[in-house]
């Protein structure tokens, strides 16, 4: 997991593993994985986070998209034509 331009100067794997295990278990992180012929071709995740309630969002719960990945060979192609079953 890397932001554009970020340098990989520390090992995030242990912290990411802890984060995903904790938040997938409690339902505050949901991950989708796109697979084609046993190959991961895309991922997307959403973290459910809370901030103080406001008129536009009285629960205060919002979604934060992350963990976005698309196989370079498929960039610009229409993934929605793949079989979702």
C-alpha atoms as a PDB file:
ATOM      1  CA  UNK A   1       0.000   0.000   0.000  1.00  0.00           C
ATOM      2  CA  UNK A   2       1.708   3.196  -1.175  1.00  0.00           C
ATOM      3  CA  UNK A   3       0.634   6.729  -1.913  1.00  0.00           C
ATOM      4  CA  UNK A   4       1.888   8.109  -5.205  1.00  0.00           C
ATOM      5  CA  UNK A   5       5.416   9.413  -4.780  1.00  0.00           C
ATOM      6  CA  UNK A   6       5.841   8.001  -1.268  1.00  0.00           C
ATOM      7  CA  UNK A   7       9.115   6.293  -0.429  1.00  0.00           C
ATOM      8  CA  UNK A   8       9.031   2.894   1.216  1.00  0.00           C
ATOM      9  CA  UNK A   9      11.323   3.644   4.134  1.00  0.00           C
ATOM     10  CA  UNK A  10       9.588   1.530   6.799  1.00  0.00           C
ATOM     11  CA  UNK A  11       7.972  -1.894   6.822  1.00  0.00           C
ATOM     12  CA  UNK A  12       4.206  -1.346   7.019  1.00  0.00           C
ATOM     13  CA  UNK A  13       3.288  -5.021   6.667  1.00  0.00           C
ATOM     14  CA  UNK A  14       2.871  -5.754  10.424  1.00  0.00           C
ATOM     15  CA  UNK A  15       0.791  -2.607  11.016  1.00  0.00           C
ATOM     16  CA  UNK A  16      -1.358  -3.262   7.922  1.00  0.00           C
ATOM     17  CA  UNK A  17      -1.928  -6.881   8.960  1.00  0.00           C
ATOM     18  CA  UNK A  18      -3.070  -5.734  12.427  1.00  0.00           C
ATOM     19  CA  UNK A  19      -5.306  -3.028  10.929  1.00  0.00           C
ATOM     20  CA  UNK A  20      -7.032  -5.331   8.440  1.00  0.00           C
ATOM     21  CA  UNK A  21      -7.528  -8.150  10.964  1.00  0.00           C
ATOM     22  CA  UNK A  22      -9.045  -5.794  13.548  1.00  0.00           C
ATOM     23  CA  UNK A  23     -11.235  -3.720  11.243  1.00  0.00           C
ATOM     24  CA  UNK A  24     -12.436  -6.547   9.002  1.00  0.00           C
ATOM     25  CA  UNK A  25     -13.457  -8.433  12.145  1.00  0.00           C
ATOM     26  CA  UNK A  26     -15.445  -5.495  13.542  1.00  0.00           C
ATOM     27  CA  UNK A  27     -16.982  -4.546  10.174  1.00  0.00           C
ATOM     28  CA  UNK A  28     -15.357  -1.125   9.901  1.00  0.00           C
ATOM     29  CA  UNK A  29     -13.305  -2.159   6.843  1.00  0.00           C
ATOM     30  CA  UNK A  30     -14.777  -3.924   3.827  1.00  0.00           C
ATOM     31  CA  UNK A  31     -12.599  -5.197   0.981  1.00  0.00           C
ATOM     32  CA  UNK A  32     -13.584  -6.231  -2.532  1.00  0.00           C
ATOM     33  CA  UNK A  33     -11.255  -8.320  -4.666  1.00  0.00           C
ATOM     34  CA  UNK A  34     -11.666  -8.742  -8.439  1.00  0.00           C
ATOM     35  CA  UNK A  35     -10.318 -12.069  -9.660  1.00  0.00           C
ATOM     36  CA  UNK A  36      -9.988 -13.347 -13.224  1.00  0.00           C
ATOM     37  CA  UNK A  37      -8.834 -16.918 -13.747  1.00  0.00           C
ATOM     38  CA  UNK A  38      -7.321 -17.112 -10.228  1.00  0.00           C
ATOM     39  CA  UNK A  39      -5.408 -13.827 -10.724  1.00  0.00           C
ATOM     40  CA  UNK A  40      -6.162 -10.756  -8.628  1.00  0.00           C
ATOM     41  CA  UNK A  41      -6.871  -7.980 -11.121  1.00  0.00           C
ATOM     42  CA  UNK A  42      -8.273  -5.338  -8.804  1.00  0.00           C
ATOM     43  CA  UNK A  43      -9.031  -4.389  -5.225  1.00  0.00           C
ATOM     44  CA  UNK A  44     -11.005  -1.729  -3.437  1.00  0.00           C
ATOM     45  CA  UNK A  45     -11.629  -1.101   0.229  1.00  0.00           C
ATOM     46  CA  UNK A  46     -13.784   1.164   2.323  1.00  0.00           C
ATOM     47  CA  UNK A  47     -13.237   2.179   5.923  1.00  0.00           C
ATOM     48  CA  UNK A  48     -16.314   3.196   7.871  1.00  0.00           C
ATOM     49  CA  UNK A  49     -15.216   6.093  10.055  1.00  0.00           C
ATOM     50  CA  UNK A  50     -17.091   8.351  12.433  1.00  0.00           C
ATOM     51  CA  UNK A  51     -16.911  12.063  12.861  1.00  0.00           C
ATOM     52  CA  UNK A  52     -19.241  14.340  14.795  1.00  0.00           C
ATOM     53  CA  UNK A  53     -22.775  14.212  13.390  1.00  0.00           C
ATOM     54  CA  UNK A  54     -23.811  17.064  11.125  1.00  0.00           C
ATOM     55  CA  UNK A  55     -26.975  17.972   9.257  1.00  0.00           C
ATOM     56  CA  UNK A  56     -25.856  16.299   6.046  1.00  0.00           C
ATOM     57  CA  UNK A  57     -24.867  13.125   7.910  1.00  0.00           C
ATOM     58  CA  UNK A  58     -26.688  12.789  11.247  1.00  0.00           C
ATOM     59  CA  UNK A  59     -24.990   9.474  12.085  1.00  0.00           C
ATOM     60  CA  UNK A  60     -21.521  10.931  11.519  1.00  0.00           C
ATOM     61  CA  UNK A  61     -20.530   7.722   9.713  1.00  0.00           C
ATOM     62  CA  UNK A  62     -18.714   8.186   6.418  1.00  0.00           C
ATOM     63  CA  UNK A  63     -16.826   5.909   4.039  1.00  0.00           C
ATOM     64  CA  UNK A  64     -13.174   6.411   3.189  1.00  0.00           C
ATOM     65  CA  UNK A  65     -12.040   4.623   0.014  1.00  0.00           C
ATOM     66  CA  UNK A  66      -8.611   2.995   0.056  1.00  0.00           C
ATOM     67  CA  UNK A  67      -6.660  -0.056  -1.056  1.00  0.00           C
ATOM     68  CA  UNK A  68      -7.353   0.725  -4.706  1.00  0.00           C
ATOM     69  CA  UNK A  69      -5.510  -1.456  -7.212  1.00  0.00           C
ATOM     70  CA  UNK A  70      -6.088  -2.300 -10.870  1.00  0.00           C
ATOM     71  CA  UNK A  71      -3.844  -4.634 -12.850  1.00  0.00           C
ATOM     72  CA  UNK A  72      -1.798  -2.443 -15.218  1.00  0.00           C
ATOM     73  CA  UNK A  73      -2.833  -4.609 -18.183  1.00  0.00           C
ATOM     74  CA  UNK A  74      -6.470  -3.716 -17.525  1.00  0.00           C
ATOM     75  CA  UNK A  75      -6.151   0.019 -16.905  1.00  0.00           C
ATOM     76  CA  UNK A  76      -8.524   1.838 -19.236  1.00  0.00           C
ATOM     77  CA  UNK A  77     -10.459  -1.334 -20.063  1.00  0.00           C
ATOM     78  CA  UNK A  78     -14.033  -1.999 -18.993  1.00  0.00           C
ATOM     79  CA  UNK A  79     -13.839  -4.294 -15.966  1.00  0.00           C
ATOM     80  CA  UNK A  80     -17.652  -4.284 -15.733  1.00  0.00           C
ATOM     81  CA  UNK A  81     -17.749  -6.682 -18.706  1.00  0.00           C
ATOM     82  CA  UNK A  82     -16.239  -9.454 -16.580  1.00  0.00           C
ATOM     83  CA  UNK A  83     -18.506 -12.119 -15.135  1.00  0.00           C
ATOM     84  CA  UNK A  84     -19.353 -11.207 -11.542  1.00  0.00           C
ATOM     85  CA  UNK A  85     -20.316 -14.769 -10.705  1.00  0.00           C
END
